[in-house]
Amino acid sequence: MDAGKKELLENKGFDVDGAMRRFLNNDGLYTKCLKKFLDDTSYEKLKEAYDTGNCNEAFKAAHTMKGFVANLGINSLYNLLIPMVEKLRVQDMNIASEMEQLETLYHEAYDVIGNL
């Protein structure tokens, strides 16, 4: 991965080195999987479930998203999703602040990846 792309990703909270280890230093595969983030629907599902008060579906979507962003090294999202998933696991929908943060971080990551 060229230094400019790596710096751009790291400035947005991506653990590029960790992700590259998981992807066996295959830059092409990592970039291809990053692009799959653009098509992933877990964020939209989480928002919809939260907006409708469906805690079980919100948990499923948050848990899916947490695993996906962990593998991609999007630590800013991963670190926010950890406590959200745990709250939702125990049926605690008091995550308004986290949802606001998630929206910002999600769109930042989406824009960065979309411009790779």
PDB file of N, CA and C in Angstrom:
ATOM      1  N   MET A   1       0.864  -1.174   0.000  1.00  0.00           N
ATOM      2  CA  MET A   1       0.000   0.000   0.000  1.00  0.00           C
ATOM      3  C   MET A   1       0.904   1.229   0.000  1.00  0.00           C
ATOM      4  N   ASP A   2       0.581   2.181  -0.862  1.00  0.00           N
ATOM      5  CA  ASP A   2       1.448   3.353  -0.905  1.00  0.00           C
ATOM      6  C   ASP A   2       1.279   4.194   0.358  1.00  0.00           C
ATOM      7  N   ALA A   3       2.308   4.963   0.660  1.00  0.00           N
ATOM      8  CA  ALA A   3       2.365   5.712   1.921  1.00  0.00           C
ATOM      9  C   ALA A   3       1.221   6.704   2.055  1.00  0.00           C
ATOM     10  N   GLY A   4       0.794   7.319   0.970  1.00  0.00           N
ATOM     11  CA  GLY A   4      -0.297   8.290   1.019  1.00  0.00           C
ATOM     12  C   GLY A   4      -1.617   7.661   1.432  1.00  0.00           C
ATOM     13  N   LYS A   5      -1.934   6.519   0.833  1.00  0.00           N
ATOM     14  CA  LYS A   5      -3.170   5.811   1.192  1.00  0.00           C
ATOM     15  C   LYS A   5      -3.119   5.351   2.645  1.00  0.00           C
ATOM     16  N   LYS A   6      -1.973   4.807   3.022  1.00  0.00           N
ATOM     17  CA  LYS A   6      -1.826   4.313   4.391  1.00  0.00           C
ATOM     18  C   LYS A   6      -2.004   5.455   5.387  1.00  0.00           C
ATOM     19  N   GLU A   7      -1.371   6.581   5.137  1.00  0.00           N
ATOM     20  CA  GLU A   7      -1.488   7.724   6.046  1.00  0.00           C
ATOM     21  C   GLU A   7      -2.931   8.223   6.118  1.00  0.00           C
ATOM     22  N   LEU A   8      -3.595   8.282   4.981  1.00  0.00           N
ATOM     23  CA  LEU A   8      -4.992   8.719   4.943  1.00  0.00           C
ATOM     24  C   LEU A   8      -5.857   7.805   5.806  1.00  0.00           C
ATOM     25  N   LEU A   9      -5.693   6.501   5.649  1.00  0.00           N
ATOM     26  CA  LEU A   9      -6.465   5.537   6.435  1.00  0.00           C
ATOM     27  C   LEU A   9      -6.131   5.649   7.917  1.00  0.00           C
ATOM     28  N   GLU A  10      -4.862   5.725   8.241  1.00  0.00           N
ATOM     29  CA  GLU A  10      -4.455   5.798   9.646  1.00  0.00           C
ATOM     30  C   GLU A  10      -4.971   7.074  10.317  1.00  0.00           C
ATOM     31  N   ASN A  11      -5.011   8.163   9.582  1.00  0.00           N
ATOM     32  CA  ASN A  11      -5.528   9.420  10.138  1.00  0.00           C
ATOM     33  C   ASN A  11      -7.012   9.335  10.470  1.00  0.00           C
ATOM     34  N   LYS A  12      -7.712   8.373   9.888  1.00  0.00           N
ATOM     35  CA  LYS A  12      -9.134   8.181  10.158  1.00  0.00           C
ATOM     36  C   LYS A  12      -9.384   7.024  11.110  1.00  0.00           C
ATOM     37  N   GLY A  13      -8.339   6.551  11.783  1.00  0.00           N
ATOM     38  CA  GLY A  13      -8.514   5.530  12.813  1.00  0.00           C
ATOM     39  C   GLY A  13      -8.370   4.103  12.336  1.00  0.00           C
ATOM     40  N   PHE A  14      -7.803   3.893  11.168  1.00  0.00           N
ATOM     41  CA  PHE A  14      -7.610   2.542  10.645  1.00  0.00           C
ATOM     42  C   PHE A  14      -6.276   1.986  11.138  1.00  0.00           C
ATOM     43  N   ASP A  15      -6.274   0.735  11.558  1.00  0.00           N
ATOM     44  CA  ASP A  15      -5.040   0.035  11.915  1.00  0.00           C
ATOM     45  C   ASP A  15      -4.594  -0.730  10.681  1.00  0.00           C
ATOM     46  N   VAL A  16      -3.901  -0.032   9.801  1.00  0.00           N
ATOM     47  CA  VAL A  16      -3.509  -0.617   8.515  1.00  0.00           C
ATOM     48  C   VAL A  16      -2.516  -1.752   8.726  1.00  0.00           C
ATOM     49  N   ASP A  17      -1.533  -1.548   9.591  1.00  0.00           N
ATOM     50  CA  ASP A  17      -0.524  -2.600   9.807  1.00  0.00           C
ATOM     51  C   ASP A  17      -1.162  -3.880  10.344  1.00  0.00           C
ATOM     52  N   GLY A  18      -2.053  -3.742  11.317  1.00  0.00           N
ATOM     53  CA  GLY A  18      -2.740  -4.913  11.866  1.00  0.00           C
ATOM     54  C   GLY A  18      -3.601  -5.607  10.821  1.00  0.00           C
ATOM     55  N   ALA A  19      -4.316  -4.822  10.045  1.00  0.00           N
ATOM     56  CA  ALA A  19      -5.163  -5.400   8.998  1.00  0.00           C
ATOM     57  C   ALA A  19      -4.318  -6.092   7.936  1.00  0.00           C
ATOM     58  N   MET A  20      -3.220  -5.472   7.573  1.00  0.00           N
ATOM     59  CA  MET A  20      -2.363  -6.087   6.548  1.00  0.00           C
ATOM     60  C   MET A  20      -1.809  -7.428   7.036  1.00  0.00           C
ATOM     61  N   ARG A  21      -1.519  -7.533   8.332  1.00  0.00           N
ATOM     62  CA  ARG A  21      -1.082  -8.841   8.862  1.00  0.00           C
ATOM     63  C   ARG A  21      -2.196  -9.874   8.703  1.00  0.00           C
ATOM     64  N   ARG A  22      -3.441  -9.462   9.002  1.00  0.00           N
ATOM     65  CA  ARG A  22      -4.567 -10.394   8.859  1.00  0.00           C
ATOM     66  C   ARG A  22      -4.788 -10.785   7.398  1.00  0.00           C
ATOM     67  N   PHE A  23      -4.443  -9.883   6.497  1.00  0.00           N
ATOM     68  CA  PHE A  23      -4.606 -10.149   5.067  1.00  0.00           C
ATOM     69  C   PHE A  23      -3.298 -10.626   4.438  1.00  0.00           C
ATOM     70  N   LEU A  24      -2.396 -11.125   5.272  1.00  0.00           N
ATOM     71  CA  LEU A  24      -1.120 -11.706   4.833  1.00  0.00           C
ATOM     72  C   LEU A  24      -0.338 -10.756   3.927  1.00  0.00           C
ATOM     73  N   ASN A  25      -0.407  -9.462   4.260  1.00  0.00           N
ATOM     74  CA  ASN A  25       0.277  -8.399   3.525  1.00  0.00           C
ATOM     75  C   ASN A  25      -0.110  -8.341   2.051  1.00  0.00           C
ATOM     76  N   ASN A  26      -1.305  -8.801   1.754  1.00  0.00           N
ATOM     77  CA  ASN A  26      -1.819  -8.749   0.389  1.00  0.00           C
ATOM     78  C   ASN A  26      -2.611  -7.450   0.215  1.00  0.00           C
ATOM     79  N   ASP A  27      -1.947  -6.441  -0.311  1.00  0.00           N
ATOM     80  CA  ASP A  27      -2.529  -5.113  -0.476  1.00  0.00           C
ATOM     81  C   ASP A  27      -3.802  -5.155  -1.324  1.00  0.00           C
ATOM     82  N   GLY A  28      -3.770  -5.917  -2.395  1.00  0.00           N
ATOM     83  CA  GLY A  28      -4.929  -6.006  -3.284  1.00  0.00           C
ATOM     84  C   GLY A  28      -6.139  -6.606  -2.586  1.00  0.00           C
ATOM     85  N   LEU A  29      -5.908  -7.652  -1.816  1.00  0.00           N
ATOM     86  CA  LEU A  29      -7.002  -8.296  -1.091  1.00  0.00           C
ATOM     87  C   LEU A  29      -7.559  -7.365  -0.024  1.00  0.00           C
ATOM     88  N   TYR A  30      -6.675  -6.678   0.694  1.00  0.00           N
ATOM     89  CA  TYR A  30      -7.122  -5.738   1.724  1.00  0.00           C
ATOM     90  C   TYR A  30      -7.964  -4.628   1.106  1.00  0.00           C
ATOM     91  N   THR A  31      -7.487  -4.062   0.026  1.00  0.00           N
ATOM     92  CA  THR A  31      -8.236  -2.988  -0.645  1.00  0.00           C
ATOM     93  C   THR A  31      -9.583  -3.493  -1.146  1.00  0.00           C
ATOM     94  N   LYS A  32      -9.600  -4.697  -1.704  1.00  0.00           N
ATOM     95  CA  LYS A  32     -10.851  -5.292  -2.188  1.00  0.00           C
ATOM     96  C   LYS A  32     -11.845  -5.465  -1.034  1.00  0.00           C
ATOM     97  N   CYS A  33     -11.370  -5.939   0.102  1.00  0.00           N
ATOM     98  CA  CYS A  33     -12.248  -6.135   1.259  1.00  0.00           C
ATOM     99  C   CYS A  33     -12.682  -4.799   1.859  1.00  0.00           C
ATOM    100  N   LEU A  34     -11.799  -3.808   1.841  1.00  0.00           N
ATOM    101  CA  LEU A  34     -12.205  -2.474   2.291  1.00  0.00           C
ATOM    102  C   LEU A  34     -13.371  -1.970   1.450  1.00  0.00           C
ATOM    103  N   LYS A  35     -13.311  -2.195   0.154  1.00  0.00           N
ATOM    104  CA  LYS A  35     -14.370  -1.725  -0.748  1.00  0.00           C
ATOM    105  C   LYS A  35     -15.703  -2.425  -0.439  1.00  0.00           C
ATOM    106  N   LYS A  36     -15.643  -3.640   0.107  1.00  0.00           N
ATOM    107  CA  LYS A  36     -16.879  -4.343   0.479  1.00  0.00           C
ATOM    108  C   LYS A  36     -17.608  -3.622   1.606  1.00  0.00           C
ATOM    109  N   PHE A  37     -16.870  -2.807   2.364  1.00  0.00           N
ATOM    110  CA  PHE A  37     -17.478  -1.994   3.416  1.00  0.00           C
ATOM    111  C   PHE A  37     -18.559  -1.087   2.813  1.00  0.00           C
ATOM    112  N   LEU A  38     -18.328  -0.623   1.600  1.00  0.00           N
ATOM    113  CA  LEU A  38     -19.267   0.291   0.944  1.00  0.00           C
ATOM    114  C   LEU A  38     -20.613  -0.365   0.665  1.00  0.00           C
ATOM    115  N   ASP A  39     -20.624  -1.694   0.539  1.00  0.00           N
ATOM    116  CA  ASP A  39     -21.856  -2.432   0.240  1.00  0.00           C
ATOM    117  C   ASP A  39     -22.476  -3.094   1.464  1.00  0.00           C
ATOM    118  N   ASP A  40     -21.771  -3.065   2.584  1.00  0.00           N
ATOM    119  CA  ASP A  40     -22.269  -3.712   3.800  1.00  0.00           C
ATOM    120  C   ASP A  40     -23.497  -2.960   4.323  1.00  0.00           C
ATOM    121  N   THR A  41     -24.507  -3.695   4.739  1.00  0.00           N
ATOM    122  CA  THR A  41     -25.765  -3.084   5.177  1.00  0.00           C
ATOM    123  C   THR A  41     -25.949  -3.075   6.697  1.00  0.00           C
ATOM    124  N   SER A  42     -24.949  -3.506   7.442  1.00  0.00           N
ATOM    125  CA  SER A  42     -25.135  -3.610   8.887  1.00  0.00           C
ATOM    126  C   SER A  42     -25.364  -2.240   9.539  1.00  0.00           C
ATOM    127  N   TYR A  43     -24.747  -1.196   9.036  1.00  0.00           N
ATOM    128  CA  TYR A  43     -24.972   0.135   9.611  1.00  0.00           C
ATOM    129  C   TYR A  43     -26.425   0.556   9.422  1.00  0.00           C
ATOM    130  N   GLU A  44     -26.950   0.396   8.213  1.00  0.00           N
ATOM    131  CA  GLU A  44     -28.343   0.768   7.945  1.00  0.00           C
ATOM    132  C   GLU A  44     -29.306  -0.072   8.777  1.00  0.00           C
ATOM    133  N   LYS A  45     -28.995  -1.356   8.920  1.00  0.00           N
ATOM    134  CA  LYS A  45     -29.838  -2.234   9.737  1.00  0.00           C
ATOM    135  C   LYS A  45     -29.815  -1.809  11.204  1.00  0.00           C
ATOM    136  N   LEU A  46     -28.647  -1.425  11.688  1.00  0.00           N
ATOM    137  CA  LEU A  46     -28.535  -0.964  13.065  1.00  0.00           C
ATOM    138  C   LEU A  46     -29.351   0.314  13.267  1.00  0.00           C
ATOM    139  N   LYS A  47     -29.218   1.253  12.351  1.00  0.00           N
ATOM    140  CA  LYS A  47     -29.980   2.499  12.461  1.00  0.00           C
ATOM    141  C   LYS A  47     -31.477   2.236  12.461  1.00  0.00           C
ATOM    142  N   GLU A  48     -31.930   1.399  11.540  1.00  0.00           N
ATOM    143  CA  GLU A  48     -33.356   1.094  11.443  1.00  0.00           C
ATOM    144  C   GLU A  48     -33.859   0.409  12.708  1.00  0.00           C
ATOM    145  N   ALA A  49     -33.105  -0.569  13.184  1.00  0.00           N
ATOM    146  CA  ALA A  49     -33.513  -1.293  14.392  1.00  0.00           C
ATOM    147  C   ALA A  49     -33.525  -0.352  15.598  1.00  0.00           C
ATOM    148  N   TYR A  50     -32.550   0.518  15.697  1.00  0.00           N
ATOM    149  CA  TYR A  50     -32.511   1.477  16.805  1.00  0.00           C
ATOM    150  C   TYR A  50     -33.707   2.426  16.721  1.00  0.00           C
ATOM    151  N   ASP A  51     -33.954   2.940  15.526  1.00  0.00           N
ATOM    152  CA  ASP A  51     -35.058   3.889  15.335  1.00  0.00           C
ATOM    153  C   ASP A  51     -36.420   3.280  15.649  1.00  0.00           C
ATOM    154  N   THR A  52     -36.564   1.972  15.433  1.00  0.00           N
ATOM    155  CA  THR A  52     -37.844   1.304  15.687  1.00  0.00           C
ATOM    156  C   THR A  52     -37.891   0.624  17.057  1.00  0.00           C
ATOM    157  N   GLY A  53     -36.781   0.728  17.811  1.00  0.00           N
ATOM    158  CA  GLY A  53     -36.753   0.150  19.151  1.00  0.00           C
ATOM    159  C   GLY A  53     -36.601  -1.359  19.185  1.00  0.00           C
ATOM    160  N   ASN A  54     -36.083  -1.944  18.116  1.00  0.00           N
ATOM    161  CA  ASN A  54     -35.910  -3.392  18.048  1.00  0.00           C
ATOM    162  C   ASN A  54     -34.504  -3.751  18.541  1.00  0.00           C
ATOM    163  N   CYS A  55     -34.395  -4.026  19.802  1.00  0.00           N
ATOM    164  CA  CYS A  55     -33.104  -4.271  20.432  1.00  0.00           C
ATOM    165  C   CYS A  55     -32.412  -5.518  19.882  1.00  0.00           C
ATOM    166  N   ASN A  56     -33.159  -6.585  19.654  1.00  0.00           N
ATOM    167  CA  ASN A  56     -32.552  -7.818  19.146  1.00  0.00           C
ATOM    168  C   ASN A  56     -31.911  -7.601  17.783  1.00  0.00           C
ATOM    169  N   GLU A  57     -32.615  -6.920  16.893  1.00  0.00           N
ATOM    170  CA  GLU A  57     -32.067  -6.657  15.559  1.00  0.00           C
ATOM    171  C   GLU A  57     -30.916  -5.650  15.628  1.00  0.00           C
ATOM    172  N   ALA A  58     -31.019  -4.691  16.539  1.00  0.00           N
ATOM    173  CA  ALA A  58     -29.928  -3.735  16.719  1.00  0.00           C
ATOM    174  C   ALA A  58     -28.672  -4.462  17.196  1.00  0.00           C
ATOM    175  N   PHE A  59     -28.852  -5.390  18.128  1.00  0.00           N
ATOM    176  CA  PHE A  59     -27.714  -6.178  18.603  1.00  0.00           C
ATOM    177  C   PHE A  59     -27.076  -6.959  17.467  1.00  0.00           C
ATOM    178  N   LYS A  60     -27.889  -7.646  16.679  1.00  0.00           N
ATOM    179  CA  LYS A  60     -27.352  -8.450  15.563  1.00  0.00           C
ATOM    180  C   LYS A  60     -26.563  -7.587  14.586  1.00  0.00           C
ATOM    181  N   ALA A  61     -27.130  -6.447  14.232  1.00  0.00           N
ATOM    182  CA  ALA A  61     -26.474  -5.568  13.274  1.00  0.00           C
ATOM    183  C   ALA A  61     -25.183  -4.983  13.842  1.00  0.00           C
ATOM    184  N   ALA A  62     -25.218  -4.563  15.101  1.00  0.00           N
ATOM    185  CA  ALA A  62     -24.023  -3.994  15.736  1.00  0.00           C
ATOM    186  C   ALA A  62     -22.933  -5.045  15.870  1.00  0.00           C
ATOM    187  N   HIS A  63     -23.320  -6.257  16.226  1.00  0.00           N
ATOM    188  CA  HIS A  63     -22.362  -7.341  16.377  1.00  0.00           C
ATOM    189  C   HIS A  63     -21.719  -7.683  15.032  1.00  0.00           C
ATOM    190  N   THR A  64     -22.516  -7.739  13.992  1.00  0.00           N
ATOM    191  CA  THR A  64     -21.998  -8.007  12.646  1.00  0.00           C
ATOM    192  C   THR A  64     -21.028  -6.912  12.226  1.00  0.00           C
ATOM    193  N   MET A  65     -21.443  -5.677  12.437  1.00  0.00           N
ATOM    194  CA  MET A  65     -20.607  -4.550  12.048  1.00  0.00           C
ATOM    195  C   MET A  65     -19.295  -4.546  12.836  1.00  0.00           C
ATOM    196  N   LYS A  66     -19.368  -4.869  14.123  1.00  0.00           N
ATOM    197  CA  LYS A  66     -18.171  -4.906  14.965  1.00  0.00           C
ATOM    198  C   LYS A  66     -17.149  -5.893  14.410  1.00  0.00           C
ATOM    199  N   GLY A  67     -17.598  -7.079  14.044  1.00  0.00           N
ATOM    200  CA  GLY A  67     -16.692  -8.081  13.497  1.00  0.00           C
ATOM    201  C   GLY A  67     -16.105  -7.671  12.162  1.00  0.00           C
ATOM    202  N   PHE A  68     -16.936  -7.083  11.326  1.00  0.00           N
ATOM    203  CA  PHE A  68     -16.499  -6.660   9.993  1.00  0.00           C
ATOM    204  C   PHE A  68     -15.436  -5.572  10.097  1.00  0.00           C
ATOM    205  N   VAL A  69     -15.704  -4.532  10.907  1.00  0.00           N
ATOM    206  CA  VAL A  69     -14.745  -3.431  11.005  1.00  0.00           C
ATOM    207  C   VAL A  69     -13.482  -3.856  11.745  1.00  0.00           C
ATOM    208  N   ALA A  70     -13.594  -4.823  12.655  1.00  0.00           N
ATOM    209  CA  ALA A  70     -12.405  -5.335  13.346  1.00  0.00           C
ATOM    210  C   ALA A  70     -11.452  -5.965  12.341  1.00  0.00           C
ATOM    211  N   ASN A  71     -11.981  -6.789  11.457  1.00  0.00           N
ATOM    212  CA  ASN A  71     -11.140  -7.438  10.452  1.00  0.00           C
ATOM    213  C   ASN A  71     -10.502  -6.434   9.508  1.00  0.00           C
ATOM    214  N   LEU A  72     -11.201  -5.352   9.220  1.00  0.00           N
ATOM    215  CA  LEU A  72     -10.675  -4.335   8.313  1.00  0.00           C
ATOM    216  C   LEU A  72      -9.748  -3.344   9.009  1.00  0.00           C
ATOM    217  N   GLY A  73      -9.669  -3.417  10.323  1.00  0.00           N
ATOM    218  CA  GLY A  73      -8.793  -2.520  11.059  1.00  0.00           C
ATOM    219  C   GLY A  73      -9.356  -1.121  11.227  1.00  0.00           C
ATOM    220  N   ILE A  74     -10.676  -0.977  11.166  1.00  0.00           N
ATOM    221  CA  ILE A  74     -11.295   0.340  11.342  1.00  0.00           C
ATOM    222  C   ILE A  74     -11.542   0.512  12.840  1.00  0.00           C
ATOM    223  N   ASN A  75     -10.472   0.806  13.552  1.00  0.00           N
ATOM    224  CA  ASN A  75     -10.508   0.814  15.010  1.00  0.00           C
ATOM    225  C   ASN A  75     -11.402   1.893  15.588  1.00  0.00           C
ATOM    226  N   SER A  76     -11.547   3.018  14.907  1.00  0.00           N
ATOM    227  CA  SER A  76     -12.424   4.066  15.434  1.00  0.00           C
ATOM    228  C   SER A  76     -13.846   3.535  15.575  1.00  0.00           C
ATOM    229  N   LEU A  77     -14.311   2.801  14.587  1.00  0.00           N
ATOM    230  CA  LEU A  77     -15.644   2.200  14.656  1.00  0.00           C
ATOM    231  C   LEU A  77     -15.672   1.019  15.619  1.00  0.00           C
ATOM    232  N   TYR A  78     -14.671   0.180  15.541  1.00  0.00           N
ATOM    233  CA  TYR A  78     -14.611  -1.005  16.395  1.00  0.00           C
ATOM    234  C   TYR A  78     -14.671  -0.627  17.874  1.00  0.00           C
ATOM    235  N   ASN A  79     -13.860   0.360  18.263  1.00  0.00           N
ATOM    236  CA  ASN A  79     -13.809   0.760  19.672  1.00  0.00           C
ATOM    237  C   ASN A  79     -15.120   1.370  20.145  1.00  0.00           C
ATOM    238  N   LEU A  80     -15.863   1.989  19.272  1.00  0.00           N
ATOM    239  CA  LEU A  80     -17.173   2.521  19.623  1.00  0.00           C
ATOM    240  C   LEU A  80     -18.212   1.403  19.706  1.00  0.00           C
ATOM    241  N   LEU A  81     -18.106   0.431  18.818  1.00  0.00           N
ATOM    242  CA  LEU A  81     -19.095  -0.650  18.775  1.00  0.00           C
ATOM    243  C   LEU A  81     -18.982  -1.635  19.930  1.00  0.00           C
ATOM    244  N   ILE A  82     -17.809  -1.776  20.518  1.00  0.00           N
ATOM    245  CA  ILE A  82     -17.633  -2.731  21.626  1.00  0.00           C
ATOM    246  C   ILE A  82     -18.639  -2.461  22.751  1.00  0.00           C
ATOM    247  N   PRO A  83     -18.676  -1.252  23.319  1.00  0.00           N
ATOM    248  CA  PRO A  83     -19.648  -1.028  24.397  1.00  0.00           C
ATOM    249  C   PRO A  83     -21.098  -1.018  23.905  1.00  0.00           C
ATOM    250  N   MET A  84     -21.315  -0.616  22.665  1.00  0.00           N
ATOM    251  CA  MET A  84     -22.681  -0.636  22.130  1.00  0.00           C
ATOM    252  C   MET A  84     -23.211  -2.059  22.085  1.00  0.00           C
ATOM    253  N   VAL A  85     -22.403  -2.968  21.594  1.00  0.00           N
ATOM    254  CA  VAL A  85     -22.814  -4.367  21.502  1.00  0.00           C
ATOM    255  C   VAL A  85     -23.117  -4.919  22.887  1.00  0.00           C
ATOM    256  N   GLU A  86     -22.290  -4.572  23.852  1.00  0.00           N
ATOM    257  CA  GLU A  86     -22.514  -5.085  25.209  1.00  0.00           C
ATOM    258  C   GLU A  86     -23.799  -4.520  25.817  1.00  0.00           C
ATOM    259  N   LYS A  87     -24.089  -3.254  25.575  1.00  0.00           N
ATOM    260  CA  LYS A  87     -25.363  -2.694  26.051  1.00  0.00           C
ATOM    261  C   LYS A  87     -26.538  -3.404  25.387  1.00  0.00           C
ATOM    262  N   LEU A  88     -26.457  -3.554  24.073  1.00  0.00           N
ATOM    263  CA  LEU A  88     -27.560  -4.181  23.340  1.00  0.00           C
ATOM    264  C   LEU A  88     -27.721  -5.650  23.731  1.00  0.00           C
ATOM    265  N   ARG A  89     -26.627  -6.295  24.056  1.00  0.00           N
ATOM    266  CA  ARG A  89     -26.670  -7.709  24.472  1.00  0.00           C
ATOM    267  C   ARG A  89     -27.573  -7.889  25.688  1.00  0.00           C
ATOM    268  N   VAL A  90     -27.583  -6.891  26.578  1.00  0.00           N
ATOM    269  CA  VAL A  90     -28.406  -6.967  27.793  1.00  0.00           C
ATOM    270  C   VAL A  90     -29.682  -6.127  27.659  1.00  0.00           C
ATOM    271  N   GLN A  91     -30.077  -5.905  26.412  1.00  0.00           N
ATOM    272  CA  GLN A  91     -31.338  -5.216  26.095  1.00  0.00           C
ATOM    273  C   GLN A  91     -31.356  -3.751  26.551  1.00  0.00           C
ATOM    274  N   ASP A  92     -30.199  -3.108  26.593  1.00  0.00           N
ATOM    275  CA  ASP A  92     -30.093  -1.703  26.964  1.00  0.00           C
ATOM    276  C   ASP A  92     -30.013  -0.871  25.680  1.00  0.00           C
ATOM    277  N   MET A  93     -31.094  -0.161  25.375  1.00  0.00           N
ATOM    278  CA  MET A  93     -31.153   0.656  24.156  1.00  0.00           C
ATOM    279  C   MET A  93     -30.726   2.106  24.419  1.00  0.00           C
ATOM    280  N   ASN A  94     -30.108   2.354  25.538  1.00  0.00           N
ATOM    281  CA  ASN A  94     -29.651   3.694  25.875  1.00  0.00           C
ATOM    282  C   ASN A  94     -28.313   3.961  25.180  1.00  0.00           C
ATOM    283  N   ILE A  95     -28.372   4.127  23.858  1.00  0.00           N
ATOM    284  CA  ILE A  95     -27.156   4.299  23.059  1.00  0.00           C
ATOM    285  C   ILE A  95     -27.250   5.509  22.128  1.00  0.00           C
ATOM    286  N   ALA A  96     -28.039   6.496  22.507  1.00  0.00           N
ATOM    287  CA  ALA A  96     -28.229   7.670  21.639  1.00  0.00           C
ATOM    288  C   ALA A  96     -26.908   8.376  21.348  1.00  0.00           C
ATOM    289  N   SER A  97     -26.107   8.581  22.362  1.00  0.00           N
ATOM    290  CA  SER A  97     -24.822   9.253  22.173  1.00  0.00           C
ATOM    291  C   SER A  97     -23.907   8.451  21.253  1.00  0.00           C
ATOM    292  N   GLU A  98     -23.883   7.145  21.479  1.00  0.00           N
ATOM    293  CA  GLU A  98     -23.053   6.277  20.647  1.00  0.00           C
ATOM    294  C   GLU A  98     -23.535   6.272  19.202  1.00  0.00           C
ATOM    295  N   MET A  99     -24.838   6.306  19.008  1.00  0.00           N
ATOM    296  CA  MET A  99     -25.381   6.325  17.640  1.00  0.00           C
ATOM    297  C   MET A  99     -24.966   7.611  16.913  1.00  0.00           C
ATOM    298  N   GLU A 100     -24.934   8.723  17.616  1.00  0.00           N
ATOM    299  CA  GLU A 100     -24.484   9.974  16.999  1.00  0.00           C
ATOM    300  C   GLU A 100     -23.016   9.874  16.591  1.00  0.00           C
ATOM    301  N   GLN A 101     -22.215   9.349  17.488  1.00  0.00           N
ATOM    302  CA  GLN A 101     -20.793   9.172  17.176  1.00  0.00           C
ATOM    303  C   GLN A 101     -20.604   8.193  16.032  1.00  0.00           C
ATOM    304  N   LEU A 102     -21.389   7.120  16.046  1.00  0.00           N
ATOM    305  CA  LEU A 102     -21.299   6.108  15.011  1.00  0.00           C
ATOM    306  C   LEU A 102     -21.607   6.703  13.646  1.00  0.00           C
ATOM    307  N   GLU A 103     -22.619   7.537  13.580  1.00  0.00           N
ATOM    308  CA  GLU A 103     -22.976   8.146  12.301  1.00  0.00           C
ATOM    309  C   GLU A 103     -21.800   8.939  11.731  1.00  0.00           C
ATOM    310  N   THR A 104     -21.176   9.734  12.564  1.00  0.00           N
ATOM    311  CA  THR A 104     -20.032  10.530  12.109  1.00  0.00           C
ATOM    312  C   THR A 104     -18.878   9.647  11.662  1.00  0.00           C
ATOM    313  N   LEU A 105     -18.494   8.699  12.512  1.00  0.00           N
ATOM    314  CA  LEU A 105     -17.363   7.836  12.193  1.00  0.00           C
ATOM    315  C   LEU A 105     -17.640   6.953  10.986  1.00  0.00           C
ATOM    316  N   TYR A 106     -18.872   6.452  10.877  1.00  0.00           N
ATOM    317  CA  TYR A 106     -19.229   5.607   9.741  1.00  0.00           C
ATOM    318  C   TYR A 106     -19.078   6.384   8.438  1.00  0.00           C
ATOM    319  N   HIS A 107     -19.617   7.586   8.391  1.00  0.00           N
ATOM    320  CA  HIS A 107     -19.555   8.370   7.150  1.00  0.00           C
ATOM    321  C   HIS A 107     -18.132   8.794   6.816  1.00  0.00           C
ATOM    322  N   GLU A 108     -17.321   9.063   7.837  1.00  0.00           N
ATOM    323  CA  GLU A 108     -15.911   9.364   7.582  1.00  0.00           C
ATOM    324  C   GLU A 108     -15.207   8.166   6.956  1.00  0.00           C
ATOM    325  N   ALA A 109     -15.413   6.988   7.540  1.00  0.00           N
ATOM    326  CA  ALA A 109     -14.786   5.771   7.002  1.00  0.00           C
ATOM    327  C   ALA A 109     -15.304   5.482   5.605  1.00  0.00           C
ATOM    328  N   TYR A 110     -16.593   5.643   5.400  1.00  0.00           N
ATOM    329  CA  TYR A 110     -17.215   5.388   4.093  1.00  0.00           C
ATOM    330  C   TYR A 110     -16.588   6.300   3.031  1.00  0.00           C
ATOM    331  N   ASP A 111     -16.455   7.569   3.369  1.00  0.00           N
ATOM    332  CA  ASP A 111     -15.881   8.524   2.400  1.00  0.00           C
ATOM    333  C   ASP A 111     -14.425   8.217   2.091  1.00  0.00           C
ATOM    334  N   VAL A 112     -13.651   7.886   3.117  1.00  0.00           N
ATOM    335  CA  VAL A 112     -12.244   7.563   2.909  1.00  0.00           C
ATOM    336  C   VAL A 112     -12.105   6.339   2.000  1.00  0.00           C
ATOM    337  N   ILE A 113     -12.848   5.294   2.322  1.00  0.00           N
ATOM    338  CA  ILE A 113     -12.769   4.068   1.526  1.00  0.00           C
ATOM    339  C   ILE A 113     -13.277   4.323   0.113  1.00  0.00           C
ATOM    340  N   GLY A 114     -14.334   5.086  -0.018  1.00  0.00           N
ATOM    341  CA  GLY A 114     -14.877   5.388  -1.346  1.00  0.00           C
ATOM    342  C   GLY A 114     -13.913   6.141  -2.228  1.00  0.00           C
ATOM    343  N   ASN A 115     -12.984   6.861  -1.621  1.00  0.00           N
ATOM    344  CA  ASN A 115     -12.008   7.638  -2.388  1.00  0.00           C
ATOM    345  C   ASN A 115     -10.675   6.942  -2.604  1.00  0.00           C
ATOM    346  N   LEU A 116     -10.579   5.678  -2.189  1.00  0.00           N
ATOM    347  CA  LEU A 116      -9.312   4.944  -2.404  1.00  0.00           C
ATOM    348  C   LEU A 116      -9.115   4.638  -3.877  1.00  0.00           C
TER     349      LEU A 116
END
